[in-house]
Amino acid sequence: MKSKNIYVWTAMINACVQNRAPEDALILLREMQSKGRIRPNEVSLVSVLPACGLLAGLMGGKQVHAFSIKMELNGYISLCNALID
């Protein structure tokens, strides 16, 4: 695939989470920002939160929460609900 947009990156993150590859999901989130130069949206963050849960990583969830506040995405109900889960 030549260029990946936010939808492709998010779909790949979802696929990793669904296939029980949480580390890969987190790597993709980082690559989306660094290599793809694409800012995650609320759907991307909702998609990556289960990866933090699979890793039993409270710190990862806290980092996603802090990132959502920094990017002013913390007003989205779906993201707030995912953070509670």
PDB file of N, CA and C in Angstrom:
ATOM      1  N   MET A   1       0.839  -1.164   0.000  1.00  0.00           N
ATOM      2  CA  MET A   1       0.000   0.000   0.000  1.00  0.00           C
ATOM      3  C   MET A   1       0.888   1.232   0.000  1.00  0.00           C
ATOM      4  N   LYS A   2       0.648   2.102  -0.951  1.00  0.00           N
ATOM      5  CA  LYS A   2       1.506   3.269  -1.097  1.00  0.00           C
ATOM      6  C   LYS A   2       1.388   4.243   0.062  1.00  0.00           C
ATOM      7  N   SER A   3       0.207   4.768   0.268  1.00  0.00           N
ATOM      8  CA  SER A   3       0.031   5.707   1.377  1.00  0.00           C
ATOM      9  C   SER A   3      -1.127   5.251   2.253  1.00  0.00           C
ATOM     10  N   LYS A   4      -0.921   5.381   3.536  1.00  0.00           N
ATOM     11  CA  LYS A   4      -1.925   4.954   4.503  1.00  0.00           C
ATOM     12  C   LYS A   4      -2.565   6.192   5.115  1.00  0.00           C
ATOM     13  N   ASN A   5      -3.891   6.197   5.163  1.00  0.00           N
ATOM     14  CA  ASN A   5      -4.583   7.295   5.819  1.00  0.00           C
ATOM     15  C   ASN A   5      -5.021   6.856   7.220  1.00  0.00           C
ATOM     16  N   ILE A   6      -5.706   7.718   7.915  1.00  0.00           N
ATOM     17  CA  ILE A   6      -6.122   7.435   9.289  1.00  0.00           C
ATOM     18  C   ILE A   6      -6.975   6.175   9.381  1.00  0.00           C
ATOM     19  N   TYR A   7      -7.793   5.943   8.348  1.00  0.00           N
ATOM     20  CA  TYR A   7      -8.686   4.782   8.355  1.00  0.00           C
ATOM     21  C   TYR A   7      -7.902   3.474   8.227  1.00  0.00           C
ATOM     22  N   VAL A   8      -6.900   3.473   7.387  1.00  0.00           N
ATOM     23  CA  VAL A   8      -6.072   2.276   7.198  1.00  0.00           C
ATOM     24  C   VAL A   8      -5.284   1.979   8.473  1.00  0.00           C
ATOM     25  N   TRP A   9      -4.663   3.008   9.045  1.00  0.00           N
ATOM     26  CA  TRP A   9      -3.904   2.815  10.278  1.00  0.00           C
ATOM     27  C   TRP A   9      -4.807   2.272  11.388  1.00  0.00           C
ATOM     28  N   THR A  10      -5.993   2.859  11.536  1.00  0.00           N
ATOM     29  CA  THR A  10      -6.913   2.425  12.586  1.00  0.00           C
ATOM     30  C   THR A  10      -7.384   0.994  12.352  1.00  0.00           C
ATOM     31  N   ALA A  11      -7.642   0.642  11.102  1.00  0.00           N
ATOM     32  CA  ALA A  11      -8.045  -0.733  10.778  1.00  0.00           C
ATOM     33  C   ALA A  11      -6.929  -1.716  11.122  1.00  0.00           C
ATOM     34  N   MET A  12      -5.687  -1.338  10.856  1.00  0.00           N
ATOM     35  CA  MET A  12      -4.567  -2.220  11.193  1.00  0.00           C
ATOM     36  C   MET A  12      -4.428  -2.376  12.708  1.00  0.00           C
ATOM     37  N   ILE A  13      -4.643  -1.287  13.440  1.00  0.00           N
ATOM     38  CA  ILE A  13      -4.601  -1.349  14.904  1.00  0.00           C
ATOM     39  C   ILE A  13      -5.697  -2.285  15.410  1.00  0.00           C
ATOM     40  N   ASN A  14      -6.904  -2.132  14.866  1.00  0.00           N
ATOM     41  CA  ASN A  14      -8.024  -3.003  15.249  1.00  0.00           C
ATOM     42  C   ASN A  14      -7.710  -4.466  14.971  1.00  0.00           C
ATOM     43  N   ALA A  15      -7.119  -4.736  13.824  1.00  0.00           N
ATOM     44  CA  ALA A  15      -6.779  -6.117  13.461  1.00  0.00           C
ATOM     45  C   ALA A  15      -5.792  -6.711  14.463  1.00  0.00           C
ATOM     46  N   CYS A  16      -4.818  -5.928  14.871  1.00  0.00           N
ATOM     47  CA  CYS A  16      -3.842  -6.415  15.858  1.00  0.00           C
ATOM     48  C   CYS A  16      -4.520  -6.738  17.184  1.00  0.00           C
ATOM     49  N   VAL A  17      -5.398  -5.852  17.630  1.00  0.00           N
ATOM     50  CA  VAL A  17      -6.094  -6.082  18.899  1.00  0.00           C
ATOM     51  C   VAL A  17      -6.968  -7.327  18.801  1.00  0.00           C
ATOM     52  N   GLN A  18      -7.710  -7.464  17.705  1.00  0.00           N
ATOM     53  CA  GLN A  18      -8.596  -8.619  17.537  1.00  0.00           C
ATOM     54  C   GLN A  18      -7.825  -9.932  17.439  1.00  0.00           C
ATOM     55  N   ASN A  19      -6.596  -9.866  16.941  1.00  0.00           N
ATOM     56  CA  ASN A  19      -5.768 -11.065  16.815  1.00  0.00           C
ATOM     57  C   ASN A  19      -4.818 -11.243  17.994  1.00  0.00           C
ATOM     58  N   ARG A  20      -5.134 -10.567  19.085  1.00  0.00           N
ATOM     59  CA  ARG A  20      -4.364 -10.696  20.322  1.00  0.00           C
ATOM     60  C   ARG A  20      -2.883 -10.367  20.143  1.00  0.00           C
ATOM     61  N   ALA A  21      -2.625  -9.281  19.439  1.00  0.00           N
ATOM     62  CA  ALA A  21      -1.258  -8.797  19.257  1.00  0.00           C
ATOM     63  C   ALA A  21      -1.182  -7.347  19.746  1.00  0.00           C
ATOM     64  N   PRO A  22      -1.353  -7.138  21.062  1.00  0.00           N
ATOM     65  CA  PRO A  22      -1.421  -5.773  21.578  1.00  0.00           C
ATOM     66  C   PRO A  22      -0.142  -4.962  21.397  1.00  0.00           C
ATOM     67  N   GLU A  23       1.001  -5.639  21.481  1.00  0.00           N
ATOM     68  CA  GLU A  23       2.264  -4.920  21.281  1.00  0.00           C
ATOM     69  C   GLU A  23       2.320  -4.324  19.879  1.00  0.00           C
ATOM     70  N   ASP A  24       1.877  -5.112  18.902  1.00  0.00           N
ATOM     71  CA  ASP A  24       1.876  -4.638  17.517  1.00  0.00           C
ATOM     72  C   ASP A  24       0.923  -3.461  17.342  1.00  0.00           C
ATOM     73  N   ALA A  25      -0.198  -3.485  18.044  1.00  0.00           N
ATOM     74  CA  ALA A  25      -1.157  -2.376  17.962  1.00  0.00           C
ATOM     75  C   ALA A  25      -0.523  -1.085  18.459  1.00  0.00           C
ATOM     76  N   LEU A  26       0.209  -1.172  19.562  1.00  0.00           N
ATOM     77  CA  LEU A  26       0.864   0.020  20.106  1.00  0.00           C
ATOM     78  C   LEU A  26       1.992   0.506  19.202  1.00  0.00           C
ATOM     79  N   ILE A  27       2.706  -0.436  18.606  1.00  0.00           N
ATOM     80  CA  ILE A  27       3.763  -0.070  17.653  1.00  0.00           C
ATOM     81  C   ILE A  27       3.157   0.665  16.466  1.00  0.00           C
ATOM     82  N   LEU A  28       2.028   0.164  15.970  1.00  0.00           N
ATOM     83  CA  LEU A  28       1.367   0.815  14.836  1.00  0.00           C
ATOM     84  C   LEU A  28       0.915   2.227  15.184  1.00  0.00           C
ATOM     85  N   LEU A  29       0.425   2.420  16.398  1.00  0.00           N
ATOM     86  CA  LEU A  29       0.009   3.762  16.812  1.00  0.00           C
ATOM     87  C   LEU A  29       1.193   4.721  16.770  1.00  0.00           C
ATOM     88  N   ARG A  30       2.341   4.251  17.251  1.00  0.00           N
ATOM     89  CA  ARG A  30       3.546   5.094  17.212  1.00  0.00           C
ATOM     90  C   ARG A  30       3.994   5.359  15.776  1.00  0.00           C
ATOM     91  N   GLU A  31       3.959   4.315  14.947  1.00  0.00           N
ATOM     92  CA  GLU A  31       4.365   4.471  13.544  1.00  0.00           C
ATOM     93  C   GLU A  31       3.426   5.402  12.790  1.00  0.00           C
ATOM     94  N   MET A  32       2.150   5.340  13.116  1.00  0.00           N
ATOM     95  CA  MET A  32       1.182   6.217  12.467  1.00  0.00           C
ATOM     96  C   MET A  32       1.591   7.672  12.675  1.00  0.00           C
ATOM     97  N   GLN A  33       2.058   7.976  13.872  1.00  0.00           N
ATOM     98  CA  GLN A  33       2.447   9.345  14.186  1.00  0.00           C
ATOM     99  C   GLN A  33       3.815   9.706  13.614  1.00  0.00           C
ATOM    100  N   SER A  34       4.753   8.772  13.699  1.00  0.00           N
ATOM    101  CA  SER A  34       6.117   9.100  13.268  1.00  0.00           C
ATOM    102  C   SER A  34       6.316   8.933  11.767  1.00  0.00           C
ATOM    103  N   LYS A  35       6.047   7.745  11.251  1.00  0.00           N
ATOM    104  CA  LYS A  35       6.270   7.490   9.823  1.00  0.00           C
ATOM    105  C   LYS A  35       5.171   8.080   8.956  1.00  0.00           C
ATOM    106  N   GLY A  36       3.928   7.903   9.392  1.00  0.00           N
ATOM    107  CA  GLY A  36       2.806   8.373   8.596  1.00  0.00           C
ATOM    108  C   GLY A  36       2.493   9.838   8.807  1.00  0.00           C
ATOM    109  N   ARG A  37       3.045  10.388   9.884  1.00  0.00           N
ATOM    110  CA  ARG A  37       2.781  11.777  10.248  1.00  0.00           C
ATOM    111  C   ARG A  37       1.279  12.077  10.294  1.00  0.00           C
ATOM    112  N   ILE A  38       0.551  11.120  10.861  1.00  0.00           N
ATOM    113  CA  ILE A  38      -0.895  11.248  10.988  1.00  0.00           C
ATOM    114  C   ILE A  38      -1.241  11.305  12.469  1.00  0.00           C
ATOM    115  N   ARG A  39      -2.017  12.298  12.827  1.00  0.00           N
ATOM    116  CA  ARG A  39      -2.437  12.465  14.216  1.00  0.00           C
ATOM    117  C   ARG A  39      -3.604  11.524  14.509  1.00  0.00           C
ATOM    118  N   PRO A  40      -3.486  10.694  15.545  1.00  0.00           N
ATOM    119  CA  PRO A  40      -4.589   9.795  15.890  1.00  0.00           C
ATOM    120  C   PRO A  40      -5.849  10.590  16.232  1.00  0.00           C
ATOM    121  N   ASN A  41      -6.989  10.037  15.860  1.00  0.00           N
ATOM    122  CA  ASN A  41      -8.252  10.658  16.240  1.00  0.00           C
ATOM    123  C   ASN A  41      -8.878   9.834  17.360  1.00  0.00           C
ATOM    124  N   GLU A  42     -10.099  10.203  17.743  1.00  0.00           N
ATOM    125  CA  GLU A  42     -10.740   9.503  18.861  1.00  0.00           C
ATOM    126  C   GLU A  42     -10.980   8.030  18.558  1.00  0.00           C
ATOM    127  N   VAL A  43     -11.257   7.700  17.301  1.00  0.00           N
ATOM    128  CA  VAL A  43     -11.487   6.295  16.929  1.00  0.00           C
ATOM    129  C   VAL A  43     -10.191   5.498  17.052  1.00  0.00           C
ATOM    130  N   SER A  44      -9.087   6.091  16.651  1.00  0.00           N
ATOM    131  CA  SER A  44      -7.784   5.424  16.783  1.00  0.00           C
ATOM    132  C   SER A  44      -7.477   5.126  18.247  1.00  0.00           C
ATOM    133  N   LEU A  45      -7.762   6.090  19.108  1.00  0.00           N
ATOM    134  CA  LEU A  45      -7.477   5.898  20.528  1.00  0.00           C
ATOM    135  C   LEU A  45      -8.412   4.865  21.152  1.00  0.00           C
ATOM    136  N   VAL A  46      -9.692   4.892  20.762  1.00  0.00           N
ATOM    137  CA  VAL A  46     -10.628   3.870  21.247  1.00  0.00           C
ATOM    138  C   VAL A  46     -10.152   2.492  20.801  1.00  0.00           C
ATOM    139  N   SER A  47      -9.608   2.413  19.600  1.00  0.00           N
ATOM    140  CA  SER A  47      -9.140   1.135  19.052  1.00  0.00           C
ATOM    141  C   SER A  47      -7.921   0.598  19.784  1.00  0.00           C
ATOM    142  N   VAL A  48      -7.064   1.479  20.250  1.00  0.00           N
ATOM    143  CA  VAL A  48      -5.821   1.025  20.880  1.00  0.00           C
ATOM    144  C   VAL A  48      -5.990   0.734  22.379  1.00  0.00           C
ATOM    145  N   LEU A  49      -7.018   1.257  23.001  1.00  0.00           N
ATOM    146  CA  LEU A  49      -7.198   1.031  24.442  1.00  0.00           C
ATOM    147  C   LEU A  49      -7.309  -0.443  24.830  1.00  0.00           C
ATOM    148  N   PRO A  50      -8.006  -1.281  24.062  1.00  0.00           N
ATOM    149  CA  PRO A  50      -8.031  -2.711  24.431  1.00  0.00           C
ATOM    150  C   PRO A  50      -6.643  -3.354  24.431  1.00  0.00           C
ATOM    151  N   ALA A  51      -5.734  -2.825  23.632  1.00  0.00           N
ATOM    152  CA  ALA A  51      -4.361  -3.339  23.643  1.00  0.00           C
ATOM    153  C   ALA A  51      -3.729  -3.092  25.006  1.00  0.00           C
ATOM    154  N   CYS A  52      -4.001  -1.929  25.578  1.00  0.00           N
ATOM    155  CA  CYS A  52      -3.490  -1.631  26.918  1.00  0.00           C
ATOM    156  C   CYS A  52      -4.083  -2.606  27.930  1.00  0.00           C
ATOM    157  N   GLY A  53      -5.367  -2.917  27.758  1.00  0.00           N
ATOM    158  CA  GLY A  53      -6.021  -3.875  28.646  1.00  0.00           C
ATOM    159  C   GLY A  53      -5.442  -5.268  28.518  1.00  0.00           C
ATOM    160  N   LEU A  54      -5.169  -5.685  27.284  1.00  0.00           N
ATOM    161  CA  LEU A  54      -4.584  -7.013  27.059  1.00  0.00           C
ATOM    162  C   LEU A  54      -3.201  -7.125  27.693  1.00  0.00           C
ATOM    163  N   LEU A  55      -2.497  -6.018  27.731  1.00  0.00           N
ATOM    164  CA  LEU A  55      -1.161  -6.011  28.332  1.00  0.00           C
ATOM    165  C   LEU A  55      -1.216  -5.752  29.837  1.00  0.00           C
ATOM    166  N   ALA A  56      -2.446  -5.590  30.348  1.00  0.00           N
ATOM    167  CA  ALA A  56      -2.640  -5.235  31.757  1.00  0.00           C
ATOM    168  C   ALA A  56      -1.826  -3.998  32.090  1.00  0.00           C
ATOM    169  N   GLY A  57      -1.838  -3.061  31.154  1.00  0.00           N
ATOM    170  CA  GLY A  57      -1.020  -1.872  31.306  1.00  0.00           C
ATOM    171  C   GLY A  57      -1.817  -0.645  31.689  1.00  0.00           C
ATOM    172  N   LEU A  58      -1.934  -0.408  32.983  1.00  0.00           N
ATOM    173  CA  LEU A  58      -2.614   0.788  33.453  1.00  0.00           C
ATOM    174  C   LEU A  58      -1.889   2.031  32.955  1.00  0.00           C
ATOM    175  N   MET A  59      -0.565   1.957  32.904  1.00  0.00           N
ATOM    176  CA  MET A  59       0.216   3.106  32.457  1.00  0.00           C
ATOM    177  C   MET A  59      -0.099   3.440  30.999  1.00  0.00           C
ATOM    178  N   GLY A  60      -0.262   2.421  30.166  1.00  0.00           N
ATOM    179  CA  GLY A  60      -0.602   2.664  28.766  1.00  0.00           C
ATOM    180  C   GLY A  60      -1.936   3.365  28.635  1.00  0.00           C
ATOM    181  N   GLY A  61      -2.908   2.929  29.429  1.00  0.00           N
ATOM    182  CA  GLY A  61      -4.212   3.582  29.431  1.00  0.00           C
ATOM    183  C   GLY A  61      -4.119   5.022  29.893  1.00  0.00           C
ATOM    184  N   LYS A  62      -3.291   5.260  30.896  1.00  0.00           N
ATOM    185  CA  LYS A  62      -3.089   6.628  31.381  1.00  0.00           C
ATOM    186  C   LYS A  62      -2.430   7.496  30.312  1.00  0.00           C
ATOM    187  N   GLN A  63      -1.502   6.914  29.567  1.00  0.00           N
ATOM    188  CA  GLN A  63      -0.845   7.670  28.498  1.00  0.00           C
ATOM    189  C   GLN A  63      -1.825   8.025  27.391  1.00  0.00           C
ATOM    190  N   VAL A  64      -2.701   7.080  27.047  1.00  0.00           N
ATOM    191  CA  VAL A  64      -3.720   7.362  26.033  1.00  0.00           C
ATOM    192  C   VAL A  64      -4.643   8.463  26.536  1.00  0.00           C
ATOM    193  N   HIS A  65      -5.008   8.407  27.809  1.00  0.00           N
ATOM    194  CA  HIS A  65      -5.869   9.439  28.388  1.00  0.00           C
ATOM    195  C   HIS A  65      -5.182  10.801  28.343  1.00  0.00           C
ATOM    196  N   ALA A  66      -3.921  10.852  28.754  1.00  0.00           N
ATOM    197  CA  ALA A  66      -3.177  12.112  28.725  1.00  0.00           C
ATOM    198  C   ALA A  66      -3.063  12.647  27.301  1.00  0.00           C
ATOM    199  N   PHE A  67      -2.818  11.751  26.354  1.00  0.00           N
ATOM    200  CA  PHE A  67      -2.718  12.155  24.949  1.00  0.00           C
ATOM    201  C   PHE A  67      -4.049  12.724  24.467  1.00  0.00           C
ATOM    202  N   SER A  68      -5.159  12.093  24.872  1.00  0.00           N
ATOM    203  CA  SER A  68      -6.476  12.574  24.440  1.00  0.00           C
ATOM    204  C   SER A  68      -6.754  13.970  24.992  1.00  0.00           C
ATOM    205  N   ILE A  69      -6.305  14.236  26.197  1.00  0.00           N
ATOM    206  CA  ILE A  69      -6.477  15.572  26.776  1.00  0.00           C
ATOM    207  C   ILE A  69      -5.617  16.574  26.022  1.00  0.00           C
ATOM    208  N   LYS A  70      -4.372  16.210  25.767  1.00  0.00           N
ATOM    209  CA  LYS A  70      -3.452  17.096  25.050  1.00  0.00           C
ATOM    210  C   LYS A  70      -3.985  17.448  23.659  1.00  0.00           C
ATOM    211  N   MET A  71      -4.579  16.478  22.982  1.00  0.00           N
ATOM    212  CA  MET A  71      -5.097  16.687  21.625  1.00  0.00           C
ATOM    213  C   MET A  71      -6.552  17.173  21.619  1.00  0.00           C
ATOM    214  N   GLU A  72      -7.071  17.458  22.816  1.00  0.00           N
ATOM    215  CA  GLU A  72      -8.446  17.953  22.976  1.00  0.00           C
ATOM    216  C   GLU A  72      -9.485  16.990  22.399  1.00  0.00           C
ATOM    217  N   LEU A  73      -9.260  15.698  22.623  1.00  0.00           N
ATOM    218  CA  LEU A  73     -10.190  14.663  22.170  1.00  0.00           C
ATOM    219  C   LEU A  73     -10.992  14.080  23.329  1.00  0.00           C
ATOM    220  N   ASN A  74     -10.765  14.584  24.532  1.00  0.00           N
ATOM    221  CA  ASN A  74     -11.383  13.992  25.713  1.00  0.00           C
ATOM    222  C   ASN A  74     -12.874  14.294  25.844  1.00  0.00           C
ATOM    223  N   GLY A  75     -13.454  15.048  24.938  1.00  0.00           N
ATOM    224  CA  GLY A  75     -14.881  15.333  24.987  1.00  0.00           C
ATOM    225  C   GLY A  75     -15.729  14.321  24.240  1.00  0.00           C
ATOM    226  N   TYR A  76     -15.094  13.364  23.574  1.00  0.00           N
ATOM    227  CA  TYR A  76     -15.834  12.368  22.799  1.00  0.00           C
ATOM    228  C   TYR A  76     -16.335  11.262  23.728  1.00  0.00           C
ATOM    229  N   ILE A  77     -17.652  11.048  23.714  1.00  0.00           N
ATOM    230  CA  ILE A  77     -18.280  10.081  24.612  1.00  0.00           C
ATOM    231  C   ILE A  77     -17.712   8.678  24.419  1.00  0.00           C
ATOM    232  N   SER A  78     -17.517   8.266  23.163  1.00  0.00           N
ATOM    233  CA  SER A  78     -17.008   6.909  22.919  1.00  0.00           C
ATOM    234  C   SER A  78     -15.621   6.724  23.532  1.00  0.00           C
ATOM    235  N   LEU A  79     -14.796   7.743  23.463  1.00  0.00           N
ATOM    236  CA  LEU A  79     -13.458   7.666  24.049  1.00  0.00           C
ATOM    237  C   LEU A  79     -13.549   7.648  25.573  1.00  0.00           C
ATOM    238  N   CYS A  80     -14.400   8.486  26.128  1.00  0.00           N
ATOM    239  CA  CYS A  80     -14.577   8.500  27.590  1.00  0.00           C
ATOM    240  C   CYS A  80     -15.058   7.142  28.088  1.00  0.00           C
ATOM    241  N   ASN A  81     -16.018   6.550  27.382  1.00  0.00           N
ATOM    242  CA  ASN A  81     -16.523   5.230  27.770  1.00  0.00           C
ATOM    243  C   ASN A  81     -15.439   4.165  27.666  1.00  0.00           C
ATOM    244  N   ALA A  82     -14.631   4.223  26.621  1.00  0.00           N
ATOM    245  CA  ALA A  82     -13.553   3.245  26.445  1.00  0.00           C
ATOM    246  C   ALA A  82     -12.510   3.388  27.551  1.00  0.00           C
ATOM    247  N   LEU A  83     -12.260   4.612  27.977  1.00  0.00           N
ATOM    248  CA  LEU A  83     -11.299   4.825  29.057  1.00  0.00           C
ATOM    249  C   LEU A  83     -11.815   4.240  30.372  1.00  0.00           C
ATOM    250  N   ILE A  84     -13.112   4.279  30.573  1.00  0.00           N
ATOM    251  CA  ILE A  84     -13.699   3.710  31.792  1.00  0.00           C
ATOM    252  C   ILE A  84     -13.568   2.197  31.792  1.00  0.00           C
ATOM    253  N   ASP A  85     -13.766   1.596  30.611  1.00  0.00           N
ATOM    254  CA  ASP A  85     -13.649   0.134  30.493  1.00  0.00           C
ATOM    255  C   ASP A  85     -12.243  -0.279  30.813  1.00  0.00           C
TER     256      ASP A  85
END
